[in-house]
Amino acid sequence: MKWQTKALILRQLSKIPMGKRLYLLMQKLAGSNRAQPERDFARIAELLEMIQQSGQTAQGGVFFEIGSGWHPYAPLGCYLAGAKKIITVDVNPWMSLATARECIEASKPHIPHFAQTVGLDETVVAERYAKIRLSASTLDQLLASMQTEYHSPGDASATGLEPESIDFVISSNVLEHIPAPILEAITEESFRILKPGGLSVHRFNPGDHYANDDRSITTANFLQFSPAEWKKYGEGLAYHNRMRCPEFSEIFRKAGFIPLIEKDRLDPEALKAIENCSIELHADFKNFSHEELAADYMWYTGQKPVPTDSSNPPEQTEENPLLENR
């Protein structure tokens, strides 16, 4: 499908009553919201590995997930890794009993590999999986059997949670869909609810998502448009903030987080398009390096500082093996 066609469809669905339900139906018919345990277990494994690389463990931790989506892979992975509690919120009520059950059932054959990937005892993980109530009659009951609370509509910028009550704030493929001012508020709220030493752990895609459906463009395609022009294509159900990796890092820094892991992945086709000027960058993006513009994935872990006796907070240095500079 041409990216402009998909953008037009999503824009119209965003404007009409029942548009979200029609969108959900289209996703089901196209199979694009089907459970993909191999892919999505790998994604949550990345988040858990980042926690481990930061010197901590999911065991006994309290998690807060931004953006639940259709399938509870992140809560499932955290539960299997020994989390004490998982709270997951989303502005859209995409998840249902059917999609959650589909996700959990489809995950069973992949659990041994997941356990190996994140260094867990396969027997213990299998025992945890066996305790999940797949026969539950409601979504809340099913999720409760894996220590999870689901809130939708939920506001990650005003959670109502107690200060310093969360060990880990996580998200996967979500932050690129949040407007910058709201993301700033969410990041500040994450800092408030995290315990000292707690981690904010994220993986996300800052590239043009339309490139997934239209191979004639690259993930840098949307960098040629002004904000007004892009509004025609990237609003509503198709919203993408077009922020570049340094801008995400700056939001976390302003909120008070100490960066432990910052790394990104370059899209070589996007880099080529930028370097040979096959797309003309809008002025808003001309102050970024070509590599920053061509990044199509970013992984970030930031830590809430632990108070010390000194009035000066500890400084991070380039010698910190967890700090990966571009």
Protein backbone atom coordinates (compact mmCIF):
# COMPACT_ATOMS: atom_id res chain seq x y z
CA MET A 1 0.00 0.00 0.00
CA LYS A 2 1.24 3.48 -0.86
CA TRP A 3 2.04 5.36 2.32
CA GLN A 4 -0.17 8.33 1.34
CA THR A 5 -3.16 5.99 0.97
CA LYS A 6 -2.65 4.46 4.40
CA ALA A 7 -2.20 7.94 5.90
CA LEU A 8 -5.48 9.10 4.36
CA ILE A 9 -7.37 6.06 5.68
CA LEU A 10 -6.01 6.48 9.20
CA ARG A 11 -6.68 10.21 9.14
CA GLN A 12 -10.32 9.68 8.19
CA LEU A 13 -10.78 6.96 10.81
CA SER A 14 -9.42 9.38 13.41
CA LYS A 15 -12.21 11.84 12.63
CA ILE A 16 -15.32 9.68 12.53
CA PRO A 17 -17.39 8.13 15.33
CA MET A 18 -16.47 4.50 15.92
CA GLY A 19 -13.24 5.14 14.00
CA LYS A 20 -11.12 3.31 16.57
CA ARG A 21 -13.39 0.27 16.40
CA LEU A 22 -13.19 0.25 12.61
CA TYR A 23 -9.42 0.53 12.87
CA LEU A 24 -9.34 -2.44 15.23
CA LEU A 25 -11.50 -4.43 12.79
CA MET A 26 -9.15 -3.55 9.92
CA GLN A 27 -6.18 -4.68 12.01
CA LYS A 28 -7.89 -8.00 12.70
CA LEU A 29 -8.82 -8.56 9.04
CA ALA A 30 -5.29 -7.74 7.91
CA GLY A 31 -3.79 -9.88 10.65
CA SER A 32 -1.46 -7.04 11.67
CA ASN A 33 -2.45 -7.26 15.33
CA ARG A 34 -2.03 -11.02 15.60
CA ALA A 35 0.10 -12.44 18.37
CA GLN A 36 3.78 -12.65 17.39
CA PRO A 37 5.45 -14.26 20.41
CA GLU A 38 8.88 -14.80 18.89
CA ARG A 39 9.21 -11.13 17.95
CA ASP A 40 7.57 -9.68 21.04
CA PHE A 41 9.28 -11.95 23.55
CA ALA A 42 12.56 -10.79 21.98
CA ARG A 43 11.51 -7.19 22.61
CA ILE A 44 10.70 -7.67 26.28
CA ALA A 45 13.88 -9.73 26.63
CA GLU A 46 15.80 -6.65 25.46
CA LEU A 47 14.21 -4.57 28.22
CA LEU A 48 15.01 -7.20 30.86
CA GLU A 49 18.59 -7.49 29.59
CA MET A 50 18.99 -3.71 29.86
CA ILE A 51 17.86 -3.95 33.48
CA GLN A 52 20.46 -6.65 34.06
CA GLN A 53 23.17 -4.64 32.30
CA SER A 54 22.36 -1.81 34.71
CA GLY A 55 23.12 -4.07 37.66
CA GLN A 56 19.55 -4.83 38.71
CA THR A 57 17.05 -7.66 38.42
CA ALA A 58 13.34 -7.97 37.67
CA GLN A 59 12.94 -10.44 40.54
CA GLY A 60 10.60 -8.94 43.14
CA GLY A 61 10.34 -5.65 41.24
CA VAL A 62 7.30 -3.44 40.70
CA PHE A 63 6.90 -2.44 37.04
CA PHE A 64 4.96 0.34 35.36
CA GLU A 65 4.43 -0.08 31.60
CA ILE A 66 3.60 2.84 29.31
CA GLY A 67 1.44 1.63 26.42
CA SER A 68 -0.19 -1.79 26.84
CA GLY A 69 -1.18 -2.37 23.21
CA TRP A 70 -3.18 -5.41 22.11
CA HIS A 71 -1.11 -8.14 23.76
CA PRO A 72 0.37 -8.23 27.28
CA TYR A 73 3.82 -9.47 26.27
CA ALA A 74 5.69 -7.05 28.54
CA PRO A 75 3.60 -7.94 31.63
CA LEU A 76 3.91 -11.63 30.77
CA GLY A 77 7.68 -11.41 30.38
CA CYS A 78 8.09 -9.42 33.59
CA TYR A 79 5.86 -11.85 35.48
CA LEU A 80 7.83 -14.85 34.19
CA ALA A 81 11.02 -13.06 35.25
CA GLY A 82 9.73 -12.86 38.82
CA ALA A 83 8.18 -9.38 39.03
CA LYS A 84 6.13 -8.76 42.13
CA LYS A 85 3.61 -6.53 40.35
CA ILE A 86 3.06 -5.01 36.91
CA ILE A 87 0.87 -1.98 36.22
CA THR A 88 0.21 -1.32 32.54
CA VAL A 89 -1.67 1.67 31.11
CA ASP A 90 -2.82 2.74 27.66
CA VAL A 91 -4.88 5.63 26.31
CA ASN A 92 -6.60 3.19 23.92
CA PRO A 93 -8.46 0.08 25.09
CA TRP A 94 -6.99 -2.22 22.47
CA MET A 95 -6.46 -5.19 24.78
CA SER A 96 -9.27 -7.69 25.32
CA LEU A 97 -9.68 -11.06 27.01
CA ALA A 98 -9.37 -12.67 23.57
CA THR A 99 -6.14 -10.89 22.57
CA ALA A 100 -4.56 -11.46 25.99
CA ARG A 101 -5.44 -15.15 25.95
CA GLU A 102 -4.15 -15.48 22.39
CA CYS A 103 -0.86 -13.89 23.40
CA ILE A 104 -0.35 -16.12 26.44
CA GLU A 105 -1.31 -19.36 24.67
CA ALA A 106 0.89 -18.57 21.66
CA SER A 107 3.81 -17.85 23.98
CA LYS A 108 4.04 -21.31 25.54
CA PRO A 109 6.37 -22.90 22.94
CA HIS A 110 8.71 -19.90 23.15
CA ILE A 111 9.12 -19.85 26.93
CA PRO A 112 12.25 -22.06 27.10
CA HIS A 113 14.08 -19.80 24.64
CA PHE A 114 12.89 -16.70 26.51
CA ALA A 115 14.17 -18.13 29.79
CA GLN A 116 17.56 -18.93 28.25
CA THR A 117 17.83 -15.48 26.68
CA VAL A 118 17.41 -13.64 29.98
CA GLY A 119 19.22 -16.21 32.12
CA LEU A 120 16.24 -17.62 34.01
CA ASP A 121 15.67 -21.11 35.35
CA GLU A 122 13.41 -22.80 32.78
CA THR A 123 11.68 -24.92 35.43
CA VAL A 124 10.82 -21.90 37.56
CA VAL A 125 9.55 -19.99 34.52
CA ALA A 126 7.41 -22.97 33.44
CA GLU A 127 5.92 -23.17 36.95
CA ARG A 128 5.02 -19.49 36.83
CA TYR A 129 3.42 -19.90 33.43
CA ALA A 130 1.34 -22.84 34.68
CA LYS A 131 -0.23 -20.59 37.35
CA ILE A 132 -1.77 -18.24 34.77
CA ARG A 133 -5.57 -18.63 34.64
CA LEU A 134 -6.19 -19.07 30.93
CA SER A 135 -9.75 -20.14 31.74
CA ALA A 136 -10.50 -16.81 33.45
CA SER A 137 -13.82 -15.29 32.41
CA THR A 138 -12.62 -11.66 32.44
CA LEU A 139 -9.53 -9.83 31.29
CA ASP A 140 -8.89 -8.48 34.80
CA GLN A 141 -8.98 -11.99 36.26
CA LEU A 142 -6.62 -13.33 33.64
CA LEU A 143 -4.11 -10.51 34.12
CA ALA A 144 -4.38 -10.69 37.91
CA SER A 145 -3.17 -14.29 37.74
CA MET A 146 0.12 -12.94 36.40
CA GLN A 147 0.35 -10.09 38.92
CA THR A 148 -0.83 -7.46 36.42
CA GLU A 149 -3.21 -4.50 36.62
CA TYR A 150 -4.48 -3.02 33.35
CA HIS A 151 -5.78 0.55 33.14
CA SER A 152 -7.34 1.92 29.96
CA PRO A 153 -7.95 4.69 29.42
CA GLY A 154 -4.93 5.44 31.57
CA ASP A 155 -2.77 8.52 31.89
CA ALA A 156 0.95 7.82 32.28
CA SER A 157 1.54 11.52 33.00
CA ALA A 158 -0.79 11.49 36.04
CA THR A 159 -0.74 7.96 37.42
CA GLY A 160 -2.06 8.65 40.92
CA LEU A 161 0.61 6.30 42.25
CA GLU A 162 2.53 7.01 45.43
CA PRO A 163 5.91 8.71 45.07
CA GLU A 164 8.87 6.31 44.96
CA SER A 165 6.64 3.23 44.66
CA ILE A 166 7.93 1.78 41.37
CA ASP A 167 11.18 -0.03 40.57
CA PHE A 168 11.04 0.04 36.77
CA VAL A 169 9.19 2.14 34.18
CA ILE A 170 9.25 0.42 30.79
CA SER A 171 7.90 0.77 27.25
CA SER A 172 8.34 -0.88 23.85
CA ASN A 173 7.58 0.88 20.55
CA VAL A 174 5.55 3.59 22.27
CA LEU A 175 7.52 6.80 22.91
CA GLU A 176 7.61 7.80 19.23
CA HIS A 177 3.81 8.06 19.28
CA ILE A 178 3.63 10.61 22.11
CA PRO A 179 3.73 14.39 21.52
CA ALA A 180 6.82 16.01 23.04
CA PRO A 181 4.99 18.04 25.74
CA ILE A 182 3.09 14.95 26.90
CA LEU A 183 6.26 12.86 26.80
CA GLU A 184 7.95 15.45 29.01
CA ALA A 185 5.09 15.17 31.51
CA ILE A 186 5.23 11.36 31.40
CA THR A 187 8.98 11.40 31.99
CA GLU A 188 8.59 13.75 34.95
CA GLU A 189 5.87 11.50 36.38
CA SER A 190 8.11 8.46 35.85
CA PHE A 191 10.83 10.19 37.83
CA ARG A 192 8.35 10.96 40.61
CA ILE A 193 7.01 7.43 41.00
CA LEU A 194 10.36 5.66 40.69
CA LYS A 195 12.28 4.71 43.81
CA PRO A 196 15.76 6.19 44.18
CA GLY A 197 17.96 4.04 41.98
CA GLY A 198 14.94 2.95 39.93
CA LEU A 199 15.23 2.62 36.16
CA SER A 200 13.40 4.06 33.16
CA VAL A 201 13.91 1.49 30.39
CA HIS A 202 12.69 1.96 26.82
CA ARG A 203 13.06 0.75 23.25
CA PHE A 204 11.37 2.67 20.45
CA ASN A 205 11.33 3.44 16.76
CA PRO A 206 11.99 7.07 15.73
CA GLY A 207 11.81 6.23 12.01
CA ASP A 208 8.92 6.75 9.59
CA HIS A 209 6.57 3.80 10.18
CA TYR A 210 5.01 4.10 6.73
CA ALA A 211 8.22 2.61 5.35
CA ASN A 212 7.09 -0.73 6.80
CA ASP A 213 4.25 -0.85 4.26
CA ASP A 214 5.65 1.12 1.33
CA ARG A 215 9.07 -0.07 0.21
CA SER A 216 9.44 2.90 -2.12
CA ILE A 217 10.32 5.13 0.83
CA THR A 218 12.81 4.94 3.70
CA THR A 219 12.43 5.58 7.41
CA ALA A 220 13.71 9.13 6.77
CA ASN A 221 10.78 9.95 4.47
CA PHE A 222 8.88 12.12 6.94
CA LEU A 223 11.86 14.41 7.58
CA GLN A 224 11.13 16.36 4.39
CA PHE A 225 7.82 17.80 5.63
CA SER A 226 7.00 20.90 7.63
CA PRO A 227 4.87 20.39 10.77
CA ALA A 228 1.80 21.65 8.87
CA GLU A 229 2.44 19.31 5.95
CA TRP A 230 3.10 16.32 8.16
CA LYS A 231 -0.13 16.93 10.05
CA LYS A 232 -1.99 15.64 7.00
CA TYR A 233 -0.18 12.31 7.25
CA GLY A 234 0.89 11.77 10.84
CA GLU A 235 -2.00 12.78 13.09
CA GLY A 236 -4.65 10.82 14.98
CA LEU A 237 -4.27 7.05 14.73
CA ALA A 238 -1.08 7.53 12.70
CA TYR A 239 0.57 10.01 15.07
CA HIS A 240 4.37 10.08 15.12
CA ASN A 241 6.28 12.87 16.86
CA ARG A 242 9.29 12.68 14.44
CA MET A 243 11.65 13.42 17.35
CA ARG A 244 15.28 12.42 16.86
CA CYS A 245 17.29 10.42 19.37
CA PRO A 246 19.09 13.41 20.98
CA GLU A 247 15.71 15.00 21.68
CA PHE A 248 14.52 11.94 23.57
CA SER A 249 17.77 11.89 25.54
CA GLU A 250 17.35 15.56 26.44
CA ILE A 251 13.83 14.99 27.79
CA PHE A 252 15.14 12.27 30.10
CA ARG A 253 18.07 14.45 31.16
CA LYS A 254 15.82 17.40 32.01
CA ALA A 255 13.62 15.14 34.13
CA GLY A 256 16.67 14.24 36.22
CA PHE A 257 17.67 10.81 34.92
CA ILE A 258 21.29 9.67 34.77
CA PRO A 259 21.83 7.90 31.42
CA LEU A 260 23.18 4.38 31.76
CA ILE A 261 22.45 3.04 28.28
CA GLU A 262 21.93 5.14 25.15
CA LYS A 263 22.32 3.43 21.82
CA ASP A 264 20.66 3.60 18.44
CA ARG A 265 20.54 1.71 15.15
CA LEU A 266 21.08 3.27 11.73
CA ASP A 267 18.91 2.52 8.72
CA PRO A 268 21.47 2.35 5.87
CA GLU A 269 18.87 3.09 3.20
CA ALA A 270 17.70 6.17 5.10
CA LEU A 271 21.30 7.32 5.51
CA LYS A 272 21.87 6.89 1.78
CA ALA A 273 18.74 8.90 0.94
CA ILE A 274 19.88 11.72 3.20
CA GLU A 275 23.47 11.76 1.96
CA ASN A 276 22.60 11.71 -1.74
CA CYS A 277 19.85 14.33 -1.20
CA SER A 278 17.10 12.15 -2.68
CA ILE A 279 14.92 13.74 -0.01
CA GLU A 280 15.15 17.41 0.85
CA LEU A 281 15.26 17.83 4.60
CA HIS A 282 12.93 20.35 6.18
CA ALA A 283 14.67 23.17 8.05
CA ASP A 284 13.55 21.70 11.40
CA PHE A 285 15.93 18.77 10.89
CA LYS A 286 18.99 20.39 9.34
CA ASN A 287 20.80 20.86 12.65
CA PHE A 288 21.03 17.10 13.22
CA SER A 289 23.82 14.91 11.91
CA HIS A 290 23.01 12.49 9.11
CA GLU A 291 23.40 9.60 11.54
CA GLU A 292 20.95 11.14 14.00
CA LEU A 293 18.43 11.59 11.20
CA ALA A 294 18.84 8.04 9.92
CA ALA A 295 18.40 6.30 13.29
CA ASP A 296 15.44 3.92 13.16
CA TYR A 297 15.69 2.45 16.66
CA MET A 298 16.82 3.64 20.06
CA TRP A 299 17.39 1.88 23.38
CA TYR A 300 17.54 3.94 26.56
CA THR A 301 18.01 3.24 30.25
CA GLY A 302 18.10 6.08 32.76
CA GLN A 303 18.44 5.87 36.52
CA LYS A 304 16.84 8.03 39.18
CA PRO A 305 19.74 9.22 41.35
CA VAL A 306 20.18 7.83 44.83
CA PRO A 307 20.49 10.62 47.42
CA THR A 308 23.96 10.96 48.93
CA ASP A 309 25.34 12.79 51.92
CA SER A 310 27.04 15.20 49.58
CA SER A 311 25.11 18.10 48.13
CA ASN A 312 26.62 17.26 44.73
CA PRO A 313 25.02 14.33 42.85
CA PRO A 314 27.33 11.65 41.45
CA GLU A 315 28.59 12.38 37.96
CA GLN A 316 28.52 9.90 35.11
CA THR A 317 31.72 9.58 33.14
CA GLU A 318 32.64 8.02 29.83
CA GLU A 319 34.44 5.31 31.80
CA ASN A 320 31.03 3.96 32.88
CA PRO A 321 30.76 0.78 30.74
CA LEU A 322 26.97 1.08 30.62
CA LEU A 323 27.00 4.55 29.03
CA GLU A 324 27.06 4.14 25.26
CA ASN A 325 27.62 7.43 23.45
CA ARG A 326 26.84 7.83 19.79
